[in-house]
Amino acid sequence: MIIRTDPSDPTPIYRQIALQTAAQIRDGTLARGERLPTAAQLARSLDVNRNTTLQAYRLLRDEGLIDLRRGRGAVVRAAAPAPARDATQTPAPTPARSPAPSPAPQAPSTDPDLDALAARLADAARAADASLDDVVQLLHRKGLS
């Protein structure tokens, strides 16, 4: 699960997290039954308050996208159809997927090689039972910011 928040965006941080997570559930990046990082892990990796991530998870639960259980964490329920958007809604922020560091989020990559690389990274992280925080720290050590 890759989430990027933008403090300069008028959309509240919890909503940015929820919108990006919902998009990843809908597009199949996050599969049914997949465990999400704990609220504390996600908060640490995004450098936000744990209550912010809990608020995002509650919103996703209320939309029927995840199950929240004490002691079990957050688990993806199932992909839901994309909601209809009207002109008053804020569009979902998209995670940056540029190999070069950028101060602002970029549009998602249409490069199939990059998408395949991200899928392999996600599979390897799951196989190693690595958390999102572990992967982010590793990428930072390898020079990706």
C-alpha atoms as a PDB file:
ATOM      1  CA  MET A   1       0.000   0.000   0.000  1.00  0.00           C
ATOM      2  CA  ILE A   2       1.570   3.243  -1.139  1.00  0.00           C
ATOM      3  CA  ILE A   3       0.089   6.445   0.219  1.00  0.00           C
ATOM      4  CA  ARG A   4       1.403   9.951  -0.263  1.00  0.00           C
ATOM      5  CA  THR A   5      -0.114  12.884   1.596  1.00  0.00           C
ATOM      6  CA  ASP A   6       0.111  16.533   0.630  1.00  0.00           C
ATOM      7  CA  PRO A   7      -0.154  18.962   3.567  1.00  0.00           C
ATOM      8  CA  SER A   8      -0.743  21.839   1.135  1.00  0.00           C
ATOM      9  CA  ASP A   9      -3.836  20.112  -0.287  1.00  0.00           C
ATOM     10  CA  PRO A  10      -7.043  21.492   1.261  1.00  0.00           C
ATOM     11  CA  THR A  11      -8.352  17.916   1.542  1.00  0.00           C
ATOM     12  CA  PRO A  12      -7.932  16.713   5.141  1.00  0.00           C
ATOM     13  CA  ILE A  13      -5.053  14.236   5.571  1.00  0.00           C
ATOM     14  CA  TYR A  14      -7.361  11.456   6.840  1.00  0.00           C
ATOM     15  CA  ARG A  15      -9.466  11.877   3.693  1.00  0.00           C
ATOM     16  CA  GLN A  16      -6.376  11.799   1.442  1.00  0.00           C
ATOM     17  CA  ILE A  17      -5.409   8.486   3.076  1.00  0.00           C
ATOM     18  CA  ALA A  18      -8.933   7.080   2.741  1.00  0.00           C
ATOM     19  CA  LEU A  19      -9.321   8.179  -0.893  1.00  0.00           C
ATOM     20  CA  GLN A  20      -6.003   6.676  -1.965  1.00  0.00           C
ATOM     21  CA  THR A  21      -6.624   3.438  -0.065  1.00  0.00           C
ATOM     22  CA  ALA A  22     -10.132   3.149  -1.552  1.00  0.00           C
ATOM     23  CA  ALA A  23      -8.692   3.672  -5.036  1.00  0.00           C
ATOM     24  CA  GLN A  24      -6.145   0.891  -4.444  1.00  0.00           C
ATOM     25  CA  ILE A  25      -8.910  -1.437  -3.271  1.00  0.00           C
ATOM     26  CA  ARG A  26     -11.056  -0.630  -6.297  1.00  0.00           C
ATOM     27  CA  ASP A  27      -8.225  -1.070  -8.813  1.00  0.00           C
ATOM     28  CA  GLY A  28      -7.149  -4.400  -7.278  1.00  0.00           C
ATOM     29  CA  THR A  29      -3.808  -3.227  -5.891  1.00  0.00           C
ATOM     30  CA  LEU A  30      -5.166  -4.216  -2.478  1.00  0.00           C
ATOM     31  CA  ALA A  31      -6.901  -7.596  -2.697  1.00  0.00           C
ATOM     32  CA  ARG A  32      -9.809  -8.999  -0.720  1.00  0.00           C
ATOM     33  CA  GLY A  33      -8.573 -10.421   2.584  1.00  0.00           C
ATOM     34  CA  GLU A  34      -5.329  -8.456   2.513  1.00  0.00           C
ATOM     35  CA  ARG A  35      -4.238  -7.003   5.843  1.00  0.00           C
ATOM     36  CA  LEU A  36      -3.550  -3.294   5.896  1.00  0.00           C
ATOM     37  CA  PRO A  37      -0.788  -1.797   8.026  1.00  0.00           C
ATOM     38  CA  THR A  38      -1.872  -1.113  11.585  1.00  0.00           C
ATOM     39  CA  ALA A  39      -2.968   2.446  12.287  1.00  0.00           C
ATOM     40  CA  ALA A  40       0.250   2.968  14.250  1.00  0.00           C
ATOM     41  CA  GLN A  41       2.470   1.598  11.435  1.00  0.00           C
ATOM     42  CA  LEU A  42       0.738   3.715   8.804  1.00  0.00           C
ATOM     43  CA  ALA A  43       0.895   6.793  11.038  1.00  0.00           C
ATOM     44  CA  ARG A  44       4.657   6.308  11.518  1.00  0.00           C
ATOM     45  CA  SER A  45       5.307   5.787   7.807  1.00  0.00           C
ATOM     46  CA  LEU A  46       3.330   8.932   6.888  1.00  0.00           C
ATOM     47  CA  ASP A  47       4.546  10.957   9.876  1.00  0.00           C
ATOM     48  CA  VAL A  48       0.992  11.717  11.008  1.00  0.00           C
ATOM     49  CA  ASN A  49      -0.926  11.191  14.222  1.00  0.00           C
ATOM     50  CA  ARG A  50      -2.313   7.687  14.813  1.00  0.00           C
ATOM     51  CA  ASN A  51      -5.800   9.184  15.225  1.00  0.00           C
ATOM     52  CA  THR A  52      -5.564  10.531  11.669  1.00  0.00           C
ATOM     53  CA  THR A  53      -5.036   7.026  10.276  1.00  0.00           C
ATOM     54  CA  LEU A  54      -7.768   5.643  12.532  1.00  0.00           C
ATOM     55  CA  GLN A  55     -10.171   8.257  11.174  1.00  0.00           C
ATOM     56  CA  ALA A  56      -9.267   7.212   7.610  1.00  0.00           C
ATOM     57  CA  TYR A  57      -9.784   3.528   8.474  1.00  0.00           C
ATOM     58  CA  ARG A  58     -13.171   4.306  10.064  1.00  0.00           C
ATOM     59  CA  LEU A  59     -14.236   6.100   6.895  1.00  0.00           C
ATOM     60  CA  LEU A  60     -13.190   3.085   4.799  1.00  0.00           C
ATOM     61  CA  ARG A  61     -15.081   0.797   7.193  1.00  0.00           C
ATOM     62  CA  ASP A  62     -18.196   2.966   6.904  1.00  0.00           C
ATOM     63  CA  GLU A  63     -17.933   2.714   3.101  1.00  0.00           C
ATOM     64  CA  GLY A  64     -17.823  -1.078   3.399  1.00  0.00           C
ATOM     65  CA  LEU A  65     -14.317  -1.409   1.981  1.00  0.00           C
ATOM     66  CA  ILE A  66     -12.521  -2.771   5.050  1.00  0.00           C
ATOM     67  CA  ASP A  67     -13.279  -4.632   8.267  1.00  0.00           C
ATOM     68  CA  LEU A  68     -11.867  -3.285  11.515  1.00  0.00           C
ATOM     69  CA  ARG A  69     -11.521  -5.713  14.396  1.00  0.00           C
ATOM     70  CA  ARG A  70      -9.755  -5.125  17.695  1.00  0.00           C
ATOM     71  CA  GLY A  71      -6.684  -7.317  17.812  1.00  0.00           C
ATOM     72  CA  ARG A  72      -7.079  -8.294  14.156  1.00  0.00           C
ATOM     73  CA  GLY A  73      -6.483  -4.943  12.483  1.00  0.00           C
ATOM     74  CA  ALA A  74      -7.833  -3.707   9.180  1.00  0.00           C
ATOM     75  CA  VAL A  75      -8.579  -6.178   6.395  1.00  0.00           C
ATOM     76  CA  VAL A  76      -9.837  -5.462   2.875  1.00  0.00           C
ATOM     77  CA  ARG A  77     -13.422  -6.670   2.486  1.00  0.00           C
ATOM     78  CA  ALA A  78     -13.895  -6.483  -1.254  1.00  0.00           C
ATOM     79  CA  ALA A  79     -13.567  -4.112  -4.149  1.00  0.00           C
ATOM     80  CA  ALA A  80     -16.521  -1.800  -4.421  1.00  0.00           C
ATOM     81  CA  PRO A  81     -17.682   0.075  -7.487  1.00  0.00           C
ATOM     82  CA  ALA A  82     -16.178   3.524  -7.895  1.00  0.00           C
ATOM     83  CA  PRO A  83     -18.496   6.145  -6.445  1.00  0.00           C
ATOM     84  CA  ALA A  84     -20.097   8.683  -8.735  1.00  0.00           C
ATOM     85  CA  ARG A  85     -18.385  12.038  -8.376  1.00  0.00           C
ATOM     86  CA  ASP A  86     -20.043  15.386  -8.686  1.00  0.00           C
ATOM     87  CA  ALA A  87     -18.319  18.685  -9.370  1.00  0.00           C
ATOM     88  CA  THR A  88     -18.243  19.579  -5.668  1.00  0.00           C
ATOM     89  CA  GLN A  89     -16.187  16.569  -4.603  1.00  0.00           C
ATOM     90  CA  THR A  90     -12.444  16.741  -4.255  1.00  0.00           C
ATOM     91  CA  PRO A  91     -10.727  14.276  -6.607  1.00  0.00           C
ATOM     92  CA  ALA A  92      -8.682  11.541  -4.993  1.00  0.00           C
ATOM     93  CA  PRO A  93      -4.992  12.357  -4.743  1.00  0.00           C
ATOM     94  CA  THR A  94      -2.833   9.960  -6.669  1.00  0.00           C
ATOM     95  CA  PRO A  95       0.408   8.505  -5.350  1.00  0.00           C
ATOM     96  CA  ALA A  96       3.588   9.641  -7.052  1.00  0.00           C
ATOM     97  CA  ARG A  97       5.345   6.958  -9.060  1.00  0.00           C
ATOM     98  CA  SER A  98       8.206   8.911 -10.515  1.00  0.00           C
ATOM     99  CA  PRO A  99      11.696   7.480 -10.020  1.00  0.00           C
ATOM    100  CA  ALA A 100      13.092  10.990  -9.458  1.00  0.00           C
ATOM    101  CA  PRO A 101      12.319  12.833  -6.224  1.00  0.00           C
ATOM    102  CA  SER A 102       9.630  15.435  -6.658  1.00  0.00           C
ATOM    103  CA  PRO A 103       8.290  18.010  -4.209  1.00  0.00           C
ATOM    104  CA  ALA A 104       4.715  17.537  -5.465  1.00  0.00           C
ATOM    105  CA  PRO A 105       2.788  14.314  -6.227  1.00  0.00           C
ATOM    106  CA  GLN A 106       2.868  13.236  -9.865  1.00  0.00           C
ATOM    107  CA  ALA A 107       0.150  11.614 -11.955  1.00  0.00           C
ATOM    108  CA  PRO A 108       0.183   7.796 -11.791  1.00  0.00           C
ATOM    109  CA  SER A 109       2.554   6.107 -14.171  1.00  0.00           C
ATOM    110  CA  THR A 110       1.213   4.578 -17.343  1.00  0.00           C
ATOM    111  CA  ASP A 111       4.501   2.724 -17.741  1.00  0.00           C
ATOM    112  CA  PRO A 112       3.677  -1.012 -17.609  1.00  0.00           C
ATOM    113  CA  ASP A 113       7.275  -1.827 -16.612  1.00  0.00           C
ATOM    114  CA  LEU A 114       7.019   0.435 -13.552  1.00  0.00           C
ATOM    115  CA  ASP A 115       3.632  -1.038 -12.644  1.00  0.00           C
ATOM    116  CA  ALA A 116       5.069  -4.553 -12.942  1.00  0.00           C
ATOM    117  CA  LEU A 117       8.034  -3.545 -10.776  1.00  0.00           C
ATOM    118  CA  ALA A 118       5.665  -2.174  -8.119  1.00  0.00           C
ATOM    119  CA  ALA A 119       3.663  -5.411  -8.208  1.00  0.00           C
ATOM    120  CA  ARG A 120       6.864  -7.471  -7.747  1.00  0.00           C
ATOM    121  CA  LEU A 121       7.926  -5.239  -4.856  1.00  0.00           C
ATOM    122  CA  ALA A 122       4.541  -5.671  -3.195  1.00  0.00           C
ATOM    123  CA  ASP A 123       4.692  -9.466  -3.680  1.00  0.00           C
ATOM    124  CA  ALA A 124       8.223  -9.630  -2.272  1.00  0.00           C
ATOM    125  CA  ALA A 125       7.242  -7.504   0.730  1.00  0.00           C
ATOM    126  CA  ARG A 126       4.256  -9.769   1.449  1.00  0.00           C
ATOM    127  CA  ALA A 127       6.422 -12.891   1.093  1.00  0.00           C
ATOM    128  CA  ALA A 128       8.957 -11.446   3.544  1.00  0.00           C
ATOM    129  CA  ASP A 129       6.157 -10.339   5.868  1.00  0.00           C
ATOM    130  CA  ALA A 130       7.546  -6.790   5.611  1.00  0.00           C
ATOM    131  CA  SER A 131       5.408  -3.867   6.680  1.00  0.00           C
ATOM    132  CA  LEU A 132       4.859  -0.763   4.601  1.00  0.00           C
ATOM    133  CA  ASP A 133       7.145   1.054   7.012  1.00  0.00           C
ATOM    134  CA  ASP A 134       9.901  -1.552   6.386  1.00  0.00           C
ATOM    135  CA  VAL A 135       9.605  -1.134   2.615  1.00  0.00           C
ATOM    136  CA  VAL A 136       9.601   2.665   2.820  1.00  0.00           C
ATOM    137  CA  GLN A 137      12.682   2.636   5.055  1.00  0.00           C
ATOM    138  CA  LEU A 138      14.455   0.277   2.660  1.00  0.00           C
ATOM    139  CA  LEU A 139      13.626   2.504  -0.322  1.00  0.00           C
ATOM    140  CA  HIS A 140      14.919   5.533   1.571  1.00  0.00           C
ATOM    141  CA  ARG A 141      18.184   3.687   2.331  1.00  0.00           C
ATOM    142  CA  LYS A 142      18.493   2.881  -1.368  1.00  0.00           C
ATOM    143  CA  GLY A 143      18.300   6.579  -2.203  1.00  0.00           C
ATOM    144  CA  LEU A 144      14.639   6.900  -3.194  1.00  0.00           C
ATOM    145  CA  SER A 145      12.862   9.747  -1.486  1.00  0.00           C
END
